[in-house]
Amino acid sequence: MIIYETITFLGGQLTLFKQDDALVFVSLADDGVADFKSFYPTVDVIADNVPEVALFKHYAAGEVIDWRQLKINYLSGTKFQREVWQAMHNMIPHEYLTYAELAQRANHPTAIRAVASAIGKNPLTIINACHRILPKSGGIGQYRYGSHIKAELLALDRVKI
């Protein structure tokens, strides 16, 4: 069974999904359950308390959180995607990378476009720091939940663009 809890976060919603003792999905969509179902249409969820929401409240309040401490799991994903997601998960707080640097860390240095595609399918936004992957040419780039949310997350992470 997968449980979820929704909290107010950065003027919107944040919904955490947990299976057993591991977080499996993070949504910043207005309807987090619908967002989850767009990834996993046949998986049932039930509302319940997810203790890890406290970390996201502290994060929104400006505290530094080392997301690597959380137990995570992936409900799906190719070997390639999981390697990219794990490379993001292993980033230290306040670190940011270009797409090419992330491709290198994921041991796929020539697969920059495929890495970008895997980033877009990251089920654990914030925890796997996809918002801290930035274009080499400058700016903040794209983000599934909108560039304004990405900019807010980068500000929380104290990333200077």
N, C-alpha and C. Protein backbone atom coordinates (compact mmCIF):
# COMPACT_ATOMS: atom_id res chain seq x y z
N MET A 1 0.85 -1.19 0.00
CA MET A 1 0.00 0.00 0.00
C MET A 1 0.89 1.24 0.00
N ILE A 2 0.48 2.20 -0.77
CA ILE A 2 1.19 3.49 -0.82
C ILE A 2 0.33 4.54 -0.13
N ILE A 3 0.96 5.22 0.83
CA ILE A 3 0.26 6.30 1.52
C ILE A 3 0.78 7.64 1.00
N TYR A 4 -0.04 8.68 1.20
CA TYR A 4 0.39 10.01 0.78
C TYR A 4 -0.11 11.05 1.77
N GLU A 5 0.59 12.17 1.77
CA GLU A 5 0.16 13.32 2.55
C GLU A 5 0.48 14.58 1.75
N THR A 6 -0.44 15.54 1.79
CA THR A 6 -0.27 16.80 1.08
C THR A 6 -0.14 17.93 2.09
N ILE A 7 0.81 18.82 1.84
CA ILE A 7 0.99 20.01 2.67
C ILE A 7 1.06 21.24 1.77
N THR A 8 0.86 22.40 2.36
CA THR A 8 1.08 23.65 1.66
C THR A 8 2.59 23.87 1.57
N PHE A 9 3.05 24.26 0.38
CA PHE A 9 4.49 24.38 0.16
C PHE A 9 4.74 25.45 -0.90
N LEU A 10 5.51 26.47 -0.56
CA LEU A 10 5.88 27.54 -1.48
C LEU A 10 4.66 28.12 -2.21
N GLY A 11 3.60 28.35 -1.49
CA GLY A 11 2.40 28.93 -2.08
C GLY A 11 1.58 27.96 -2.91
N GLY A 12 1.94 26.71 -2.90
CA GLY A 12 1.21 25.67 -3.64
C GLY A 12 1.08 24.43 -2.78
N GLN A 13 1.14 23.29 -3.43
CA GLN A 13 1.00 22.01 -2.74
C GLN A 13 2.25 21.16 -2.93
N LEU A 14 2.53 20.33 -1.94
CA LEU A 14 3.55 19.30 -2.05
C LEU A 14 2.91 18.02 -1.52
N THR A 15 2.99 16.96 -2.29
CA THR A 15 2.43 15.67 -1.87
C THR A 15 3.54 14.64 -1.89
N LEU A 16 3.71 13.97 -0.75
CA LEU A 16 4.69 12.90 -0.61
C LEU A 16 3.98 11.56 -0.64
N PHE A 17 4.58 10.61 -1.33
CA PHE A 17 4.05 9.25 -1.43
C PHE A 17 5.09 8.30 -0.87
N LYS A 18 4.62 7.38 -0.03
CA LYS A 18 5.53 6.47 0.66
C LYS A 18 5.00 5.04 0.61
N GLN A 19 5.91 4.12 0.35
CA GLN A 19 5.58 2.69 0.37
C GLN A 19 6.50 2.03 1.38
N ASP A 20 5.90 1.35 2.35
CA ASP A 20 6.66 0.74 3.44
C ASP A 20 7.50 1.83 4.11
N ASP A 21 8.81 1.74 4.06
CA ASP A 21 9.64 2.73 4.74
C ASP A 21 10.39 3.65 3.78
N ALA A 22 9.98 3.69 2.50
CA ALA A 22 10.71 4.48 1.51
C ALA A 22 9.78 5.45 0.77
N LEU A 23 10.29 6.65 0.53
CA LEU A 23 9.55 7.60 -0.31
C LEU A 23 9.68 7.15 -1.76
N VAL A 24 8.56 7.22 -2.50
CA VAL A 24 8.56 6.74 -3.88
C VAL A 24 8.16 7.81 -4.89
N PHE A 25 7.59 8.93 -4.42
CA PHE A 25 7.16 9.96 -5.36
C PHE A 25 6.97 11.26 -4.59
N VAL A 26 7.35 12.36 -5.22
CA VAL A 26 7.11 13.70 -4.69
C VAL A 26 6.46 14.51 -5.80
N SER A 27 5.35 15.16 -5.46
CA SER A 27 4.65 15.98 -6.45
C SER A 27 4.51 17.41 -5.95
N LEU A 28 4.72 18.34 -6.86
CA LEU A 28 4.45 19.75 -6.59
C LEU A 28 3.24 20.24 -7.37
N ALA A 29 2.47 19.32 -7.92
CA ALA A 29 1.28 19.67 -8.68
C ALA A 29 0.14 20.08 -7.75
N ASP A 30 -0.80 20.85 -8.26
CA ASP A 30 -1.97 21.22 -7.47
C ASP A 30 -2.75 20.00 -7.02
N ASP A 31 -2.78 18.96 -7.85
CA ASP A 31 -3.42 17.70 -7.50
C ASP A 31 -2.35 16.61 -7.54
N GLY A 32 -1.71 16.40 -6.41
CA GLY A 32 -0.61 15.46 -6.34
C GLY A 32 -1.00 14.03 -6.66
N VAL A 33 -2.21 13.65 -6.28
CA VAL A 33 -2.67 12.28 -6.56
C VAL A 33 -2.81 12.09 -8.07
N ALA A 34 -3.39 13.06 -8.75
CA ALA A 34 -3.52 12.96 -10.21
C ALA A 34 -2.14 12.91 -10.87
N ASP A 35 -1.20 13.69 -10.34
CA ASP A 35 0.17 13.68 -10.86
C ASP A 35 0.78 12.28 -10.67
N PHE A 36 0.62 11.71 -9.49
CA PHE A 36 1.11 10.35 -9.22
C PHE A 36 0.47 9.36 -10.19
N LYS A 37 -0.85 9.47 -10.37
CA LYS A 37 -1.57 8.54 -11.25
C LYS A 37 -1.13 8.68 -12.71
N SER A 38 -0.63 9.85 -13.10
CA SER A 38 -0.13 10.00 -14.47
C SER A 38 1.14 9.18 -14.68
N PHE A 39 1.87 8.91 -13.60
CA PHE A 39 3.05 8.06 -13.66
C PHE A 39 2.69 6.59 -13.44
N TYR A 40 1.78 6.35 -12.51
CA TYR A 40 1.44 4.98 -12.08
C TYR A 40 -0.08 4.81 -12.04
N PRO A 41 -0.72 4.67 -13.19
CA PRO A 41 -2.18 4.67 -13.25
C PRO A 41 -2.85 3.49 -12.54
N THR A 42 -2.17 2.39 -12.33
CA THR A 42 -2.82 1.23 -11.73
C THR A 42 -2.50 1.05 -10.24
N VAL A 43 -1.75 1.97 -9.66
CA VAL A 43 -1.34 1.85 -8.27
C VAL A 43 -2.33 2.61 -7.38
N ASP A 44 -2.81 1.94 -6.35
CA ASP A 44 -3.75 2.55 -5.40
C ASP A 44 -2.99 3.28 -4.30
N VAL A 45 -3.56 4.39 -3.86
CA VAL A 45 -2.97 5.17 -2.78
C VAL A 45 -4.05 5.49 -1.74
N ILE A 46 -3.61 5.77 -0.53
CA ILE A 46 -4.52 6.13 0.55
C ILE A 46 -3.90 7.25 1.37
N ALA A 47 -4.70 8.23 1.75
CA ALA A 47 -4.21 9.35 2.55
C ALA A 47 -3.86 8.87 3.96
N ASP A 48 -2.72 9.32 4.45
CA ASP A 48 -2.26 8.98 5.79
C ASP A 48 -1.11 9.94 6.13
N ASN A 49 -0.62 9.87 7.34
CA ASN A 49 0.50 10.71 7.74
C ASN A 49 1.81 10.16 7.18
N VAL A 50 2.60 11.05 6.60
CA VAL A 50 3.93 10.72 6.11
C VAL A 50 4.90 11.58 6.93
N PRO A 51 5.60 11.00 7.89
CA PRO A 51 6.44 11.79 8.79
C PRO A 51 7.47 12.68 8.10
N GLU A 52 7.93 12.29 6.93
CA GLU A 52 8.96 13.06 6.21
C GLU A 52 8.47 14.43 5.77
N VAL A 53 7.17 14.71 5.82
CA VAL A 53 6.70 16.05 5.45
C VAL A 53 7.35 17.11 6.33
N ALA A 54 7.72 16.74 7.56
CA ALA A 54 8.37 17.70 8.46
C ALA A 54 9.67 18.23 7.86
N LEU A 55 10.42 17.38 7.16
CA LEU A 55 11.66 17.82 6.52
C LEU A 55 11.39 18.87 5.45
N PHE A 56 10.31 18.71 4.70
CA PHE A 56 9.97 19.66 3.65
C PHE A 56 9.51 21.00 4.24
N LYS A 57 8.87 20.96 5.39
CA LYS A 57 8.50 22.20 6.08
C LYS A 57 9.75 22.94 6.54
N HIS A 58 10.72 22.20 7.08
CA HIS A 58 11.98 22.81 7.49
C HIS A 58 12.73 23.38 6.28
N TYR A 59 12.72 22.64 5.19
CA TYR A 59 13.36 23.09 3.95
C TYR A 59 12.73 24.39 3.46
N ALA A 60 11.40 24.44 3.45
CA ALA A 60 10.70 25.66 3.00
C ALA A 60 10.98 26.84 3.92
N ALA A 61 11.33 26.54 5.16
CA ALA A 61 11.66 27.60 6.12
C ALA A 61 13.12 28.04 6.01
N GLY A 62 13.86 27.45 5.07
CA GLY A 62 15.22 27.87 4.81
C GLY A 62 16.31 27.01 5.42
N GLU A 63 15.94 25.92 6.09
CA GLU A 63 16.94 25.02 6.66
C GLU A 63 17.58 24.17 5.57
N VAL A 64 18.84 23.86 5.73
CA VAL A 64 19.55 22.98 4.80
C VAL A 64 19.19 21.55 5.14
N ILE A 65 18.72 20.82 4.15
CA ILE A 65 18.36 19.42 4.32
C ILE A 65 19.25 18.58 3.41
N ASP A 66 19.85 17.56 3.96
CA ASP A 66 20.62 16.63 3.15
C ASP A 66 19.68 15.49 2.77
N TRP A 67 19.14 15.58 1.56
CA TRP A 67 18.12 14.61 1.09
C TRP A 67 18.68 13.21 0.95
N ARG A 68 19.99 13.09 0.94
CA ARG A 68 20.60 11.76 0.81
C ARG A 68 20.31 10.88 2.01
N GLN A 69 19.88 11.48 3.12
CA GLN A 69 19.57 10.71 4.32
C GLN A 69 18.27 9.93 4.21
N LEU A 70 17.42 10.29 3.28
CA LEU A 70 16.11 9.65 3.16
C LEU A 70 16.19 8.31 2.44
N LYS A 71 15.39 7.39 2.89
CA LYS A 71 15.27 6.11 2.19
C LYS A 71 14.29 6.32 1.03
N ILE A 72 14.74 5.94 -0.16
CA ILE A 72 13.92 6.11 -1.36
C ILE A 72 13.82 4.78 -2.10
N ASN A 73 12.84 4.72 -2.98
CA ASN A 73 12.68 3.56 -3.84
C ASN A 73 12.00 4.04 -5.13
N TYR A 74 12.20 3.30 -6.19
CA TYR A 74 11.58 3.64 -7.47
C TYR A 74 10.58 2.56 -7.83
N LEU A 75 9.37 2.99 -8.18
CA LEU A 75 8.33 2.05 -8.57
C LEU A 75 8.50 1.57 -10.00
N SER A 76 9.25 2.33 -10.79
CA SER A 76 9.54 1.96 -12.18
C SER A 76 10.79 2.70 -12.62
N GLY A 77 11.12 2.57 -13.87
CA GLY A 77 12.29 3.25 -14.42
C GLY A 77 13.27 2.26 -15.01
N THR A 78 13.87 2.66 -16.11
CA THR A 78 14.88 1.82 -16.75
C THR A 78 16.17 1.89 -15.94
N LYS A 79 17.09 1.01 -16.24
CA LYS A 79 18.41 1.04 -15.59
C LYS A 79 19.07 2.40 -15.82
N PHE A 80 18.98 2.90 -17.04
CA PHE A 80 19.56 4.20 -17.39
C PHE A 80 18.93 5.31 -16.54
N GLN A 81 17.59 5.35 -16.50
CA GLN A 81 16.91 6.39 -15.72
C GLN A 81 17.32 6.33 -14.25
N ARG A 82 17.37 5.14 -13.69
CA ARG A 82 17.74 4.99 -12.28
C ARG A 82 19.17 5.46 -12.02
N GLU A 83 20.06 5.25 -12.97
CA GLU A 83 21.43 5.73 -12.82
C GLU A 83 21.47 7.26 -12.80
N VAL A 84 20.68 7.88 -13.65
CA VAL A 84 20.60 9.35 -13.68
C VAL A 84 19.97 9.85 -12.38
N TRP A 85 18.87 9.24 -11.97
CA TRP A 85 18.19 9.67 -10.74
C TRP A 85 19.11 9.50 -9.52
N GLN A 86 19.86 8.41 -9.48
CA GLN A 86 20.76 8.18 -8.35
C GLN A 86 21.88 9.20 -8.35
N ALA A 87 22.38 9.57 -9.52
CA ALA A 87 23.42 10.60 -9.60
C ALA A 87 22.90 11.93 -9.05
N MET A 88 21.64 12.26 -9.33
CA MET A 88 21.05 13.48 -8.76
C MET A 88 20.88 13.33 -7.24
N HIS A 89 20.44 12.16 -6.82
CA HIS A 89 20.22 11.91 -5.39
C HIS A 89 21.52 12.05 -4.59
N ASN A 90 22.64 11.72 -5.20
CA ASN A 90 23.93 11.77 -4.52
C ASN A 90 24.54 13.17 -4.45
N MET A 91 23.89 14.16 -5.03
CA MET A 91 24.41 15.52 -4.99
C MET A 91 24.39 16.04 -3.54
N ILE A 92 25.44 16.78 -3.19
CA ILE A 92 25.48 17.35 -1.84
C ILE A 92 24.62 18.62 -1.81
N PRO A 93 24.16 19.02 -0.61
CA PRO A 93 23.37 20.26 -0.53
C PRO A 93 24.11 21.44 -1.16
N HIS A 94 23.38 22.27 -1.85
CA HIS A 94 23.86 23.49 -2.52
C HIS A 94 24.66 23.23 -3.79
N GLU A 95 24.89 21.98 -4.15
CA GLU A 95 25.63 21.68 -5.37
C GLU A 95 24.69 21.77 -6.57
N TYR A 96 25.20 22.27 -7.66
CA TYR A 96 24.45 22.22 -8.91
C TYR A 96 25.38 21.78 -10.02
N LEU A 97 24.77 21.20 -11.06
CA LEU A 97 25.52 20.65 -12.18
C LEU A 97 24.87 21.08 -13.48
N THR A 98 25.64 21.04 -14.56
CA THR A 98 25.06 21.18 -15.89
C THR A 98 24.57 19.80 -16.32
N TYR A 99 23.79 19.77 -17.38
CA TYR A 99 23.32 18.49 -17.91
C TYR A 99 24.51 17.60 -18.29
N ALA A 100 25.54 18.20 -18.89
CA ALA A 100 26.72 17.43 -19.29
C ALA A 100 27.46 16.87 -18.07
N GLU A 101 27.55 17.66 -17.01
CA GLU A 101 28.22 17.18 -15.80
C GLU A 101 27.44 16.03 -15.16
N LEU A 102 26.11 16.14 -15.16
CA LEU A 102 25.30 15.05 -14.63
C LEU A 102 25.45 13.80 -15.49
N ALA A 103 25.49 13.96 -16.79
CA ALA A 103 25.69 12.81 -17.69
C ALA A 103 27.01 12.11 -17.35
N GLN A 104 28.03 12.90 -17.10
CA GLN A 104 29.34 12.34 -16.72
C GLN A 104 29.22 11.57 -15.41
N ARG A 105 28.58 12.16 -14.41
CA ARG A 105 28.43 11.49 -13.10
C ARG A 105 27.61 10.21 -13.18
N ALA A 106 26.66 10.18 -14.09
CA ALA A 106 25.82 9.00 -14.25
C ALA A 106 26.50 7.94 -15.13
N ASN A 107 27.74 8.21 -15.52
CA ASN A 107 28.53 7.30 -16.37
C ASN A 107 27.96 7.16 -17.78
N HIS A 108 27.37 8.24 -18.27
CA HIS A 108 26.84 8.29 -19.64
C HIS A 108 27.24 9.64 -20.26
N PRO A 109 28.54 9.90 -20.40
CA PRO A 109 29.00 11.24 -20.78
C PRO A 109 28.55 11.72 -22.15
N THR A 110 28.19 10.82 -23.04
CA THR A 110 27.77 11.25 -24.38
C THR A 110 26.25 11.25 -24.55
N ALA A 111 25.53 10.93 -23.50
CA ALA A 111 24.06 10.79 -23.59
C ALA A 111 23.34 11.98 -22.95
N ILE A 112 23.78 13.17 -23.26
CA ILE A 112 23.24 14.36 -22.59
C ILE A 112 21.74 14.53 -22.84
N ARG A 113 21.29 14.33 -24.05
CA ARG A 113 19.85 14.46 -24.33
C ARG A 113 19.04 13.40 -23.60
N ALA A 114 19.54 12.18 -23.58
CA ALA A 114 18.84 11.10 -22.86
C ALA A 114 18.83 11.37 -21.36
N VAL A 115 19.91 11.94 -20.85
CA VAL A 115 19.95 12.32 -19.44
C VAL A 115 18.89 13.39 -19.16
N ALA A 116 18.78 14.37 -20.04
CA ALA A 116 17.76 15.40 -19.87
C ALA A 116 16.36 14.79 -19.86
N SER A 117 16.12 13.82 -20.70
CA SER A 117 14.83 13.14 -20.73
C SER A 117 14.58 12.39 -19.42
N ALA A 118 15.60 11.73 -18.89
CA ALA A 118 15.46 11.02 -17.61
C ALA A 118 15.17 11.99 -16.47
N ILE A 119 15.80 13.15 -16.52
CA ILE A 119 15.56 14.17 -15.49
C ILE A 119 14.08 14.55 -15.49
N GLY A 120 13.50 14.71 -16.66
CA GLY A 120 12.09 15.08 -16.77
C GLY A 120 11.14 14.03 -16.23
N LYS A 121 11.62 12.80 -16.07
CA LYS A 121 10.79 11.71 -15.55
C LYS A 121 11.13 11.37 -14.10
N ASN A 122 11.93 12.20 -13.46
CA ASN A 122 12.35 11.98 -12.08
C ASN A 122 11.13 11.93 -11.15
N PRO A 123 10.90 10.80 -10.47
CA PRO A 123 9.73 10.70 -9.60
C PRO A 123 9.93 11.34 -8.23
N LEU A 124 11.15 11.71 -7.90
CA LEU A 124 11.44 12.23 -6.56
C LEU A 124 12.01 13.64 -6.64
N THR A 125 11.21 14.55 -7.19
CA THR A 125 11.66 15.93 -7.31
C THR A 125 12.05 16.46 -5.93
N ILE A 126 12.96 17.36 -5.89
CA ILE A 126 13.60 17.94 -4.71
C ILE A 126 14.57 16.94 -4.09
N ILE A 127 14.11 15.73 -3.74
CA ILE A 127 14.99 14.72 -3.13
C ILE A 127 16.11 14.35 -4.11
N ASN A 128 15.75 14.04 -5.34
CA ASN A 128 16.72 13.89 -6.43
C ASN A 128 16.74 15.27 -7.08
N ALA A 129 17.77 16.01 -6.85
CA ALA A 129 17.79 17.45 -7.08
C ALA A 129 17.76 17.87 -8.54
N CYS A 130 16.71 17.48 -9.26
CA CYS A 130 16.59 17.83 -10.67
C CYS A 130 16.52 19.35 -10.88
N HIS A 131 16.04 20.09 -9.88
CA HIS A 131 15.97 21.54 -10.01
C HIS A 131 17.36 22.18 -9.99
N ARG A 132 18.37 21.42 -9.55
CA ARG A 132 19.74 21.95 -9.52
C ARG A 132 20.57 21.50 -10.71
N ILE A 133 19.90 21.02 -11.76
CA ILE A 133 20.57 20.72 -13.02
C ILE A 133 20.27 21.90 -13.95
N LEU A 134 21.31 22.58 -14.36
CA LEU A 134 21.15 23.84 -15.08
C LEU A 134 21.81 23.78 -16.45
N PRO A 135 21.28 24.56 -17.41
CA PRO A 135 21.88 24.59 -18.74
C PRO A 135 23.28 25.21 -18.71
N LYS A 136 24.15 24.68 -19.51
CA LYS A 136 25.52 25.20 -19.63
C LYS A 136 25.51 26.64 -20.14
N SER A 137 24.50 26.95 -20.96
CA SER A 137 24.42 28.28 -21.57
C SER A 137 23.92 29.36 -20.62
N GLY A 138 23.51 28.97 -19.41
CA GLY A 138 23.01 29.93 -18.43
C GLY A 138 21.51 29.83 -18.24
N GLY A 139 21.01 30.58 -17.30
CA GLY A 139 19.60 30.54 -16.96
C GLY A 139 19.27 29.33 -16.11
N ILE A 140 17.97 29.10 -15.91
CA ILE A 140 17.59 27.99 -15.04
C ILE A 140 17.05 26.79 -15.79
N GLY A 141 16.67 26.97 -17.03
CA GLY A 141 16.18 25.84 -17.81
C GLY A 141 14.74 25.47 -17.46
N GLN A 142 14.34 24.31 -17.92
CA GLN A 142 12.97 23.86 -17.75
C GLN A 142 12.80 23.08 -16.46
N TYR A 143 11.52 22.95 -16.06
CA TYR A 143 11.17 22.19 -14.86
C TYR A 143 9.73 21.73 -15.00
N ARG A 144 9.47 20.50 -14.64
CA ARG A 144 8.14 19.93 -14.82
C ARG A 144 7.04 20.77 -14.17
N TYR A 145 7.36 21.39 -13.06
CA TYR A 145 6.35 22.16 -12.32
C TYR A 145 6.43 23.66 -12.59
N GLY A 146 7.21 24.05 -13.58
CA GLY A 146 7.29 25.45 -13.97
C GLY A 146 8.58 26.12 -13.52
N SER A 147 9.05 27.04 -14.35
CA SER A 147 10.33 27.70 -14.06
C SER A 147 10.25 28.56 -12.79
N HIS A 148 9.07 29.10 -12.46
CA HIS A 148 8.96 29.91 -11.24
C HIS A 148 9.17 29.05 -9.99
N ILE A 149 8.70 27.81 -10.00
CA ILE A 149 8.92 26.89 -8.87
C ILE A 149 10.41 26.51 -8.81
N LYS A 150 10.99 26.26 -9.97
CA LYS A 150 12.41 25.93 -10.01
C LYS A 150 13.23 27.07 -9.42
N ALA A 151 12.89 28.30 -9.77
CA ALA A 151 13.61 29.46 -9.25
C ALA A 151 13.47 29.55 -7.72
N GLU A 152 12.28 29.26 -7.21
CA GLU A 152 12.08 29.28 -5.75
C GLU A 152 12.90 28.19 -5.06
N LEU A 153 12.94 27.00 -5.66
CA LEU A 153 13.74 25.92 -5.08
C LEU A 153 15.23 26.25 -5.11
N LEU A 154 15.68 26.83 -6.21
CA LEU A 154 17.09 27.23 -6.30
C LEU A 154 17.42 28.29 -5.24
N ALA A 155 16.48 29.20 -5.00
CA ALA A 155 16.70 30.21 -3.95
C ALA A 155 16.80 29.55 -2.58
N LEU A 156 15.94 28.55 -2.32
CA LEU A 156 16.02 27.83 -1.05
C LEU A 156 17.35 27.11 -0.92
N ASP A 157 17.87 26.60 -2.04
CA ASP A 157 19.15 25.89 -2.03
C ASP A 157 20.32 26.85 -2.13
N ARG A 158 20.02 28.13 -2.17
CA ARG A 158 21.05 29.17 -2.23
C ARG A 158 21.96 29.04 -3.44
N VAL A 159 21.38 28.61 -4.55
CA VAL A 159 22.14 28.51 -5.80
C VAL A 159 22.08 29.88 -6.49
N LYS A 160 23.21 30.43 -6.77
CA LYS A 160 23.30 31.73 -7.43
C LYS A 160 23.42 31.51 -8.93
N ILE A 161 22.50 32.10 -9.68
CA ILE A 161 22.51 31.96 -11.14
C ILE A 161 23.19 33.17 -11.75
